[in-house]
């Protein structure tokens, strides 16, 4: 199986935005019940970029800014779905750790769910590593290096049925385009199929879709950059078209989106 090209992101340039944006995705999750009441017109800002390794002091977030009608407390079941950007590698904190800490700072007690609990070791090239920079958080997720939307659309329904998430936080698509050259019409169809499969298993599920963040390939290949921009537009338009009060779909954005 091909390993993810998305691991090689040029993320350093986004460092100044990252923690602020993660604070806002915490609002998106903590406030999603309020958002559901106005789902058709509501969109939330955030990011899904993998955080770089950092000091323990950076791991203690302040509470997120308050969203209108944001509820406090609760124990939502959250399943994060993604490729190497999300899974991380040996020695990382991972952005799941940052999100978990922000939610806790907001008074939310998230229950992270999914089939996987480990990291990919990019030195030995094997999965199953447990050497998190700080292991004191809930690790469960549905992330793997090289995960693609075109495969996950056929698997997500069974996973949702088993793990019963209230929220899906999804960042997929870069590997579909980079490794497999999936066309834009097929990307749009696959995203709609993914959402439909998740809803078939859990009709009231709430979904947050991440835009594909900038990477080094987009800096050096204008045609590839255009394809990513087109797919990000598809993500936004699909969320707008398919979001419902019963099952809202929001878009997570950082300063680039």
C-alpha atoms as a PDB file:
ATOM      1  CA  UNK A   1       0.000   0.000   0.000  1.00  0.00           C
ATOM      2  CA  UNK A   2       1.275   3.457  -0.839  1.00  0.00           C
ATOM      3  CA  UNK A   3       2.136   5.575   2.133  1.00  0.00           C
ATOM      4  CA  UNK A   4       0.674   9.014   2.332  1.00  0.00           C
ATOM      5  CA  UNK A   5       2.113  11.931   0.418  1.00  0.00           C
ATOM      6  CA  UNK A   6       0.234  14.186   2.820  1.00  0.00           C
ATOM      7  CA  UNK A   7       2.793  13.530   5.576  1.00  0.00           C
ATOM      8  CA  UNK A   8       5.195  15.873   3.841  1.00  0.00           C
ATOM      9  CA  UNK A   9       3.248  19.061   4.459  1.00  0.00           C
ATOM     10  CA  UNK A  10       4.932  22.441   4.653  1.00  0.00           C
ATOM     11  CA  UNK A  11       3.210  23.125   7.958  1.00  0.00           C
ATOM     12  CA  UNK A  12       5.764  25.437   9.570  1.00  0.00           C
ATOM     13  CA  UNK A  13       4.360  28.494   7.821  1.00  0.00           C
ATOM     14  CA  UNK A  14       0.970  27.850   9.417  1.00  0.00           C
ATOM     15  CA  UNK A  15       2.243  27.554  12.998  1.00  0.00           C
ATOM     16  CA  UNK A  16       1.073  30.986  14.102  1.00  0.00           C
ATOM     17  CA  UNK A  17      -2.490  30.198  13.068  1.00  0.00           C
ATOM     18  CA  UNK A  18      -2.662  26.656  14.370  1.00  0.00           C
ATOM     19  CA  UNK A  19      -3.554  26.909  18.051  1.00  0.00           C
ATOM     20  CA  UNK A  20      -6.057  29.712  17.460  1.00  0.00           C
ATOM     21  CA  UNK A  21      -7.731  27.655  14.766  1.00  0.00           C
ATOM     22  CA  UNK A  22      -7.837  24.574  16.995  1.00  0.00           C
ATOM     23  CA  UNK A  23      -9.553  26.683  19.613  1.00  0.00           C
ATOM     24  CA  UNK A  24     -12.270  27.422  17.087  1.00  0.00           C
ATOM     25  CA  UNK A  25     -12.767  23.755  16.135  1.00  0.00           C
ATOM     26  CA  UNK A  26     -13.325  23.180  19.853  1.00  0.00           C
ATOM     27  CA  UNK A  27     -16.133  25.717  19.618  1.00  0.00           C
ATOM     28  CA  UNK A  28     -17.465  23.907  16.565  1.00  0.00           C
ATOM     29  CA  UNK A  29     -17.767  20.639  18.465  1.00  0.00           C
ATOM     30  CA  UNK A  30     -18.875  22.089  21.796  1.00  0.00           C
ATOM     31  CA  UNK A  31     -21.445  24.312  20.118  1.00  0.00           C
ATOM     32  CA  UNK A  32     -22.728  21.972  17.429  1.00  0.00           C
ATOM     33  CA  UNK A  33     -26.071  21.385  19.125  1.00  0.00           C
ATOM     34  CA  UNK A  34     -26.717  25.098  18.908  1.00  0.00           C
ATOM     35  CA  UNK A  35     -25.442  25.132  15.342  1.00  0.00           C
ATOM     36  CA  UNK A  36     -27.846  22.359  14.361  1.00  0.00           C
ATOM     37  CA  UNK A  37     -30.765  24.673  14.997  1.00  0.00           C
ATOM     38  CA  UNK A  38     -29.501  26.924  12.229  1.00  0.00           C
ATOM     39  CA  UNK A  39     -27.484  24.405  10.238  1.00  0.00           C
ATOM     40  CA  UNK A  40     -28.446  25.631   6.797  1.00  0.00           C
ATOM     41  CA  UNK A  41     -26.681  28.959   7.240  1.00  0.00           C
ATOM     42  CA  UNK A  42     -24.007  28.220   9.814  1.00  0.00           C
ATOM     43  CA  UNK A  43     -20.342  27.465   9.052  1.00  0.00           C
ATOM     44  CA  UNK A  44     -17.480  27.161  11.522  1.00  0.00           C
ATOM     45  CA  UNK A  45     -13.776  27.988  11.134  1.00  0.00           C
ATOM     46  CA  UNK A  46     -10.872  25.726  12.055  1.00  0.00           C
ATOM     47  CA  UNK A  47      -7.971  23.607  10.725  1.00  0.00           C
ATOM     48  CA  UNK A  48      -6.909  20.007  10.404  1.00  0.00           C
ATOM     49  CA  UNK A  49      -3.206  20.581   9.887  1.00  0.00           C
ATOM     50  CA  UNK A  50      -0.924  18.318  11.910  1.00  0.00           C
ATOM     51  CA  UNK A  51       0.795  20.264  14.674  1.00  0.00           C
ATOM     52  CA  UNK A  52       4.558  20.171  14.905  1.00  0.00           C
ATOM     53  CA  UNK A  53       6.278  18.829  17.982  1.00  0.00           C
ATOM     54  CA  UNK A  54       6.319  21.420  20.718  1.00  0.00           C
ATOM     55  CA  UNK A  55       6.984  21.943  24.381  1.00  0.00           C
ATOM     56  CA  UNK A  56       4.675  20.677  27.161  1.00  0.00           C
ATOM     57  CA  UNK A  57       3.842  24.299  28.000  1.00  0.00           C
ATOM     58  CA  UNK A  58       2.167  24.661  24.606  1.00  0.00           C
ATOM     59  CA  UNK A  59      -0.069  21.723  25.449  1.00  0.00           C
ATOM     60  CA  UNK A  60      -2.125  23.670  27.998  1.00  0.00           C
ATOM     61  CA  UNK A  61      -4.715  25.644  26.021  1.00  0.00           C
ATOM     62  CA  UNK A  62      -6.849  28.483  27.227  1.00  0.00           C
ATOM     63  CA  UNK A  63     -10.610  28.076  26.857  1.00  0.00           C
ATOM     64  CA  UNK A  64     -11.885  28.689  23.354  1.00  0.00           C
ATOM     65  CA  UNK A  65     -13.671  31.911  22.437  1.00  0.00           C
ATOM     66  CA  UNK A  66     -17.378  31.759  23.150  1.00  0.00           C
ATOM     67  CA  UNK A  67     -19.788  31.000  20.329  1.00  0.00           C
ATOM     68  CA  UNK A  68     -23.382  32.284  20.420  1.00  0.00           C
ATOM     69  CA  UNK A  69     -25.609  29.898  22.373  1.00  0.00           C
ATOM     70  CA  UNK A  70     -22.651  27.570  22.974  1.00  0.00           C
ATOM     71  CA  UNK A  71     -23.612  24.853  25.481  1.00  0.00           C
ATOM     72  CA  UNK A  72     -21.139  23.908  28.192  1.00  0.00           C
ATOM     73  CA  UNK A  73     -20.173  20.460  29.419  1.00  0.00           C
ATOM     74  CA  UNK A  74     -21.225  17.180  27.870  1.00  0.00           C
ATOM     75  CA  UNK A  75     -19.431  14.026  26.713  1.00  0.00           C
ATOM     76  CA  UNK A  76     -19.781  13.848  22.930  1.00  0.00           C
ATOM     77  CA  UNK A  77     -18.511  10.780  21.096  1.00  0.00           C
ATOM     78  CA  UNK A  78     -16.066  12.014  18.448  1.00  0.00           C
ATOM     79  CA  UNK A  79     -14.458  10.012  15.657  1.00  0.00           C
ATOM     80  CA  UNK A  80     -11.669  11.688  13.701  1.00  0.00           C
ATOM     81  CA  UNK A  81     -11.213  10.336  10.166  1.00  0.00           C
ATOM     82  CA  UNK A  82      -8.052  11.093   8.230  1.00  0.00           C
ATOM     83  CA  UNK A  83      -4.696  10.218   6.727  1.00  0.00           C
ATOM     84  CA  UNK A  84      -1.127  10.896   7.890  1.00  0.00           C
ATOM     85  CA  UNK A  85      -1.867  14.566   8.591  1.00  0.00           C
ATOM     86  CA  UNK A  86      -4.181  13.423  11.344  1.00  0.00           C
ATOM     87  CA  UNK A  87      -2.543  10.208  12.530  1.00  0.00           C
ATOM     88  CA  UNK A  88       0.903  11.720  12.979  1.00  0.00           C
ATOM     89  CA  UNK A  89       4.096   9.771  13.563  1.00  0.00           C
ATOM     90  CA  UNK A  90       6.240   8.583  16.448  1.00  0.00           C
ATOM     91  CA  UNK A  91       7.090  11.331  18.918  1.00  0.00           C
ATOM     92  CA  UNK A  92       4.279  13.670  17.840  1.00  0.00           C
ATOM     93  CA  UNK A  93       1.653  15.276  20.051  1.00  0.00           C
ATOM     94  CA  UNK A  94      -0.819  15.037  17.096  1.00  0.00           C
ATOM     95  CA  UNK A  95      -3.562  17.564  16.438  1.00  0.00           C
ATOM     96  CA  UNK A  96      -6.038  15.159  18.100  1.00  0.00           C
ATOM     97  CA  UNK A  97      -4.180  15.802  21.345  1.00  0.00           C
ATOM     98  CA  UNK A  98      -4.516  19.570  20.870  1.00  0.00           C
ATOM     99  CA  UNK A  99      -8.216  19.298  20.090  1.00  0.00           C
ATOM    100  CA  UNK A 100      -8.798  17.046  23.099  1.00  0.00           C
ATOM    101  CA  UNK A 101      -7.039  19.523  25.402  1.00  0.00           C
ATOM    102  CA  UNK A 102      -9.016  22.474  24.003  1.00  0.00           C
ATOM    103  CA  UNK A 103     -12.301  20.655  24.520  1.00  0.00           C
ATOM    104  CA  UNK A 104     -11.357  19.799  28.077  1.00  0.00           C
ATOM    105  CA  UNK A 105     -10.477  23.453  28.693  1.00  0.00           C
ATOM    106  CA  UNK A 106     -13.982  24.308  27.459  1.00  0.00           C
ATOM    107  CA  UNK A 107     -15.562  21.993  30.025  1.00  0.00           C
ATOM    108  CA  UNK A 108     -16.318  19.247  27.501  1.00  0.00           C
ATOM    109  CA  UNK A 109     -15.336  15.637  28.256  1.00  0.00           C
ATOM    110  CA  UNK A 110     -14.940  14.154  24.777  1.00  0.00           C
ATOM    111  CA  UNK A 111     -15.016  10.414  24.241  1.00  0.00           C
ATOM    112  CA  UNK A 112     -12.727   9.768  21.285  1.00  0.00           C
ATOM    113  CA  UNK A 113     -13.800   6.637  19.411  1.00  0.00           C
ATOM    114  CA  UNK A 114     -12.610   4.584  16.460  1.00  0.00           C
ATOM    115  CA  UNK A 115     -10.653   1.451  15.522  1.00  0.00           C
ATOM    116  CA  UNK A 116      -7.105   2.837  15.886  1.00  0.00           C
ATOM    117  CA  UNK A 117      -5.017   3.991  18.847  1.00  0.00           C
ATOM    118  CA  UNK A 118      -1.438   4.179  17.590  1.00  0.00           C
ATOM    119  CA  UNK A 119       1.036   6.089  15.431  1.00  0.00           C
ATOM    120  CA  UNK A 120       3.032   5.300  12.312  1.00  0.00           C
ATOM    121  CA  UNK A 121       6.786   5.064  12.865  1.00  0.00           C
ATOM    122  CA  UNK A 122       8.279   6.746   9.822  1.00  0.00           C
ATOM    123  CA  UNK A 123      11.759   5.411  10.639  1.00  0.00           C
ATOM    124  CA  UNK A 124      10.882   1.710  10.893  1.00  0.00           C
ATOM    125  CA  UNK A 125       7.934   2.166   8.462  1.00  0.00           C
ATOM    126  CA  UNK A 126       5.463   0.247  10.624  1.00  0.00           C
ATOM    127  CA  UNK A 127       2.180   1.135  12.299  1.00  0.00           C
ATOM    128  CA  UNK A 128       1.443   0.391  15.938  1.00  0.00           C
ATOM    129  CA  UNK A 129       3.847   2.773  17.686  1.00  0.00           C
ATOM    130  CA  UNK A 130       2.658   4.245  21.002  1.00  0.00           C
ATOM    131  CA  UNK A 131       5.396   6.826  21.607  1.00  0.00           C
ATOM    132  CA  UNK A 132       3.195   9.939  21.768  1.00  0.00           C
ATOM    133  CA  UNK A 133       4.937  13.092  22.978  1.00  0.00           C
ATOM    134  CA  UNK A 134       2.289  13.120  25.713  1.00  0.00           C
ATOM    135  CA  UNK A 135       0.126   9.970  25.918  1.00  0.00           C
ATOM    136  CA  UNK A 136      -2.302  11.406  28.459  1.00  0.00           C
ATOM    137  CA  UNK A 137      -5.332  11.809  26.207  1.00  0.00           C
ATOM    138  CA  UNK A 138      -7.875   9.596  24.464  1.00  0.00           C
ATOM    139  CA  UNK A 139      -6.115   8.192  21.376  1.00  0.00           C
ATOM    140  CA  UNK A 140      -8.939   6.388  19.553  1.00  0.00           C
ATOM    141  CA  UNK A 141      -9.648   7.499  15.989  1.00  0.00           C
ATOM    142  CA  UNK A 142     -10.110   6.302  12.411  1.00  0.00           C
ATOM    143  CA  UNK A 143      -6.847   7.516  10.920  1.00  0.00           C
ATOM    144  CA  UNK A 144      -4.159   5.802   8.876  1.00  0.00           C
ATOM    145  CA  UNK A 145      -1.334   6.955   6.636  1.00  0.00           C
ATOM    146  CA  UNK A 146      -2.502   6.708   3.051  1.00  0.00           C
ATOM    147  CA  UNK A 147      -6.233   6.667   3.848  1.00  0.00           C
ATOM    148  CA  UNK A 148      -8.309   7.763   0.861  1.00  0.00           C
ATOM    149  CA  UNK A 149     -11.837   9.044   0.494  1.00  0.00           C
ATOM    150  CA  UNK A 150     -12.631   6.641  -2.341  1.00  0.00           C
ATOM    151  CA  UNK A 151     -11.935   3.666  -0.062  1.00  0.00           C
ATOM    152  CA  UNK A 152     -13.262   5.122   3.165  1.00  0.00           C
ATOM    153  CA  UNK A 153     -16.669   5.919   1.671  1.00  0.00           C
ATOM    154  CA  UNK A 154     -17.275   2.152   1.529  1.00  0.00           C
ATOM    155  CA  UNK A 155     -16.011   1.523   5.069  1.00  0.00           C
ATOM    156  CA  UNK A 156     -17.360   4.446   7.082  1.00  0.00           C
ATOM    157  CA  UNK A 157     -20.893   3.105   7.493  1.00  0.00           C
ATOM    158  CA  UNK A 158     -19.755  -0.022   9.332  1.00  0.00           C
ATOM    159  CA  UNK A 159     -17.379   1.987  11.524  1.00  0.00           C
ATOM    160  CA  UNK A 160     -20.076   4.487  12.459  1.00  0.00           C
ATOM    161  CA  UNK A 161     -22.414   1.605  13.307  1.00  0.00           C
ATOM    162  CA  UNK A 162     -19.787   0.017  15.575  1.00  0.00           C
ATOM    163  CA  UNK A 163     -18.356   3.093  17.312  1.00  0.00           C
ATOM    164  CA  UNK A 164     -21.514   5.271  17.329  1.00  0.00           C
ATOM    165  CA  UNK A 165     -19.897   8.725  17.073  1.00  0.00           C
ATOM    166  CA  UNK A 166     -22.008  11.829  17.572  1.00  0.00           C
ATOM    167  CA  UNK A 167     -19.486  13.777  15.484  1.00  0.00           C
ATOM    168  CA  UNK A 168     -17.238  12.935  12.556  1.00  0.00           C
ATOM    169  CA  UNK A 169     -14.256  15.235  12.014  1.00  0.00           C
ATOM    170  CA  UNK A 170     -12.994  14.435   8.522  1.00  0.00           C
ATOM    171  CA  UNK A 171      -9.860  15.404   6.599  1.00  0.00           C
ATOM    172  CA  UNK A 172      -9.501  13.280   3.461  1.00  0.00           C
ATOM    173  CA  UNK A 173      -8.822  13.792  -0.223  1.00  0.00           C
ATOM    174  CA  UNK A 174      -5.182  14.791  -0.645  1.00  0.00           C
ATOM    175  CA  UNK A 175      -4.000  11.233  -1.221  1.00  0.00           C
ATOM    176  CA  UNK A 176      -6.870  10.534  -3.636  1.00  0.00           C
ATOM    177  CA  UNK A 177      -5.674  13.398  -5.828  1.00  0.00           C
ATOM    178  CA  UNK A 178      -1.917  13.084  -5.312  1.00  0.00           C
ATOM    179  CA  UNK A 179      -1.473   9.307  -5.604  1.00  0.00           C
ATOM    180  CA  UNK A 180      -4.486   8.161  -7.587  1.00  0.00           C
ATOM    181  CA  UNK A 181      -5.444  11.123  -9.755  1.00  0.00           C
ATOM    182  CA  UNK A 182      -9.136  10.884  -8.873  1.00  0.00           C
ATOM    183  CA  UNK A 183     -11.170  13.265 -11.041  1.00  0.00           C
ATOM    184  CA  UNK A 184     -13.077  16.193  -9.567  1.00  0.00           C
ATOM    185  CA  UNK A 185     -16.523  14.740 -10.448  1.00  0.00           C
ATOM    186  CA  UNK A 186     -15.544  11.487  -8.737  1.00  0.00           C
ATOM    187  CA  UNK A 187     -14.210  13.354  -5.696  1.00  0.00           C
ATOM    188  CA  UNK A 188     -17.554  15.141  -5.364  1.00  0.00           C
ATOM    189  CA  UNK A 189     -19.495  11.886  -5.764  1.00  0.00           C
ATOM    190  CA  UNK A 190     -17.276  10.089  -3.255  1.00  0.00           C
ATOM    191  CA  UNK A 191     -17.711  12.822  -0.661  1.00  0.00           C
ATOM    192  CA  UNK A 192     -21.499  12.721  -1.039  1.00  0.00           C
ATOM    193  CA  UNK A 193     -21.396   8.914  -0.746  1.00  0.00           C
ATOM    194  CA  UNK A 194     -19.270   9.150   2.394  1.00  0.00           C
ATOM    195  CA  UNK A 195     -21.796  11.480   4.041  1.00  0.00           C
ATOM    196  CA  UNK A 196     -24.722   9.315   2.960  1.00  0.00           C
ATOM    197  CA  UNK A 197     -23.096   6.155   4.352  1.00  0.00           C
ATOM    198  CA  UNK A 198     -22.369   7.797   7.704  1.00  0.00           C
ATOM    199  CA  UNK A 199     -25.957   9.039   7.939  1.00  0.00           C
ATOM    200  CA  UNK A 200     -27.383   5.652   6.989  1.00  0.00           C
ATOM    201  CA  UNK A 201     -25.628   4.186  10.018  1.00  0.00           C
ATOM    202  CA  UNK A 202     -26.438   7.110  12.347  1.00  0.00           C
ATOM    203  CA  UNK A 203     -29.082   9.519  10.996  1.00  0.00           C
ATOM    204  CA  UNK A 204     -28.383  12.351  13.457  1.00  0.00           C
ATOM    205  CA  UNK A 205     -24.619  12.370  13.040  1.00  0.00           C
ATOM    206  CA  UNK A 206     -22.881  15.769  12.885  1.00  0.00           C
ATOM    207  CA  UNK A 207     -20.032  16.116  10.407  1.00  0.00           C
ATOM    208  CA  UNK A 208     -17.181  18.628  10.238  1.00  0.00           C
ATOM    209  CA  UNK A 209     -15.245  18.527   6.952  1.00  0.00           C
ATOM    210  CA  UNK A 210     -11.703  19.880   6.825  1.00  0.00           C
ATOM    211  CA  UNK A 211     -10.351  21.680   3.785  1.00  0.00           C
ATOM    212  CA  UNK A 212      -7.159  20.150   2.388  1.00  0.00           C
ATOM    213  CA  UNK A 213      -4.339  22.345   3.761  1.00  0.00           C
ATOM    214  CA  UNK A 214      -1.479  23.730   1.652  1.00  0.00           C
ATOM    215  CA  UNK A 215       1.463  21.387   1.090  1.00  0.00           C
ATOM    216  CA  UNK A 216       4.794  21.498  -0.680  1.00  0.00           C
ATOM    217  CA  UNK A 217       3.407  19.966  -3.875  1.00  0.00           C
ATOM    218  CA  UNK A 218       0.985  22.852  -4.292  1.00  0.00           C
ATOM    219  CA  UNK A 219       3.909  25.263  -4.037  1.00  0.00           C
ATOM    220  CA  UNK A 220       5.809  23.563  -6.859  1.00  0.00           C
ATOM    221  CA  UNK A 221       3.018  22.289  -9.132  1.00  0.00           C
ATOM    222  CA  UNK A 222       0.394  24.872 -10.192  1.00  0.00           C
ATOM    223  CA  UNK A 223      -1.815  22.222 -11.835  1.00  0.00           C
ATOM    224  CA  UNK A 224      -1.905  20.183  -8.627  1.00  0.00           C
ATOM    225  CA  UNK A 225      -2.607  23.317  -6.605  1.00  0.00           C
ATOM    226  CA  UNK A 226      -5.551  24.076  -8.889  1.00  0.00           C
ATOM    227  CA  UNK A 227      -6.957  20.584  -8.353  1.00  0.00           C
ATOM    228  CA  UNK A 228      -6.735  20.968  -4.582  1.00  0.00           C
ATOM    229  CA  UNK A 229      -8.406  24.383  -4.764  1.00  0.00           C
ATOM    230  CA  UNK A 230     -11.180  22.888  -6.863  1.00  0.00           C
ATOM    231  CA  UNK A 231     -11.710  20.062  -4.391  1.00  0.00           C
ATOM    232  CA  UNK A 232     -11.779  22.480  -1.452  1.00  0.00           C
ATOM    233  CA  UNK A 233     -14.519  24.372  -3.279  1.00  0.00           C
ATOM    234  CA  UNK A 234     -16.330  21.039  -3.665  1.00  0.00           C
ATOM    235  CA  UNK A 235     -16.046  20.410   0.074  1.00  0.00           C
ATOM    236  CA  UNK A 236     -17.644  23.772   0.853  1.00  0.00           C
ATOM    237  CA  UNK A 237     -20.411  23.447  -1.720  1.00  0.00           C
ATOM    238  CA  UNK A 238     -21.206  19.855  -0.699  1.00  0.00           C
ATOM    239  CA  UNK A 239     -21.473  20.860   2.945  1.00  0.00           C
ATOM    240  CA  UNK A 240     -23.809  23.699   2.015  1.00  0.00           C
ATOM    241  CA  UNK A 241     -25.992  21.467  -0.163  1.00  0.00           C
ATOM    242  CA  UNK A 242     -26.170  18.447   2.161  1.00  0.00           C
ATOM    243  CA  UNK A 243     -26.303  20.045   5.613  1.00  0.00           C
ATOM    244  CA  UNK A 244     -29.625  19.543   7.390  1.00  0.00           C
ATOM    245  CA  UNK A 245     -31.054  20.415  10.787  1.00  0.00           C
ATOM    246  CA  UNK A 246     -31.130  16.704  11.602  1.00  0.00           C
ATOM    247  CA  UNK A 247     -27.541  16.098  10.489  1.00  0.00           C
ATOM    248  CA  UNK A 248     -25.560  19.337  10.071  1.00  0.00           C
ATOM    249  CA  UNK A 249     -22.399  19.436   7.976  1.00  0.00           C
ATOM    250  CA  UNK A 250     -19.906  22.219   8.736  1.00  0.00           C
ATOM    251  CA  UNK A 251     -16.623  23.182   7.073  1.00  0.00           C
ATOM    252  CA  UNK A 252     -13.447  23.595   9.133  1.00  0.00           C
ATOM    253  CA  UNK A 253     -11.135  26.293   7.804  1.00  0.00           C
ATOM    254  CA  UNK A 254      -7.804  27.790   8.765  1.00  0.00           C
ATOM    255  CA  UNK A 255      -6.524  31.170   7.588  1.00  0.00           C
ATOM    256  CA  UNK A 256      -5.882  29.772   4.104  1.00  0.00           C
ATOM    257  CA  UNK A 257      -9.467  28.719   3.414  1.00  0.00           C
END
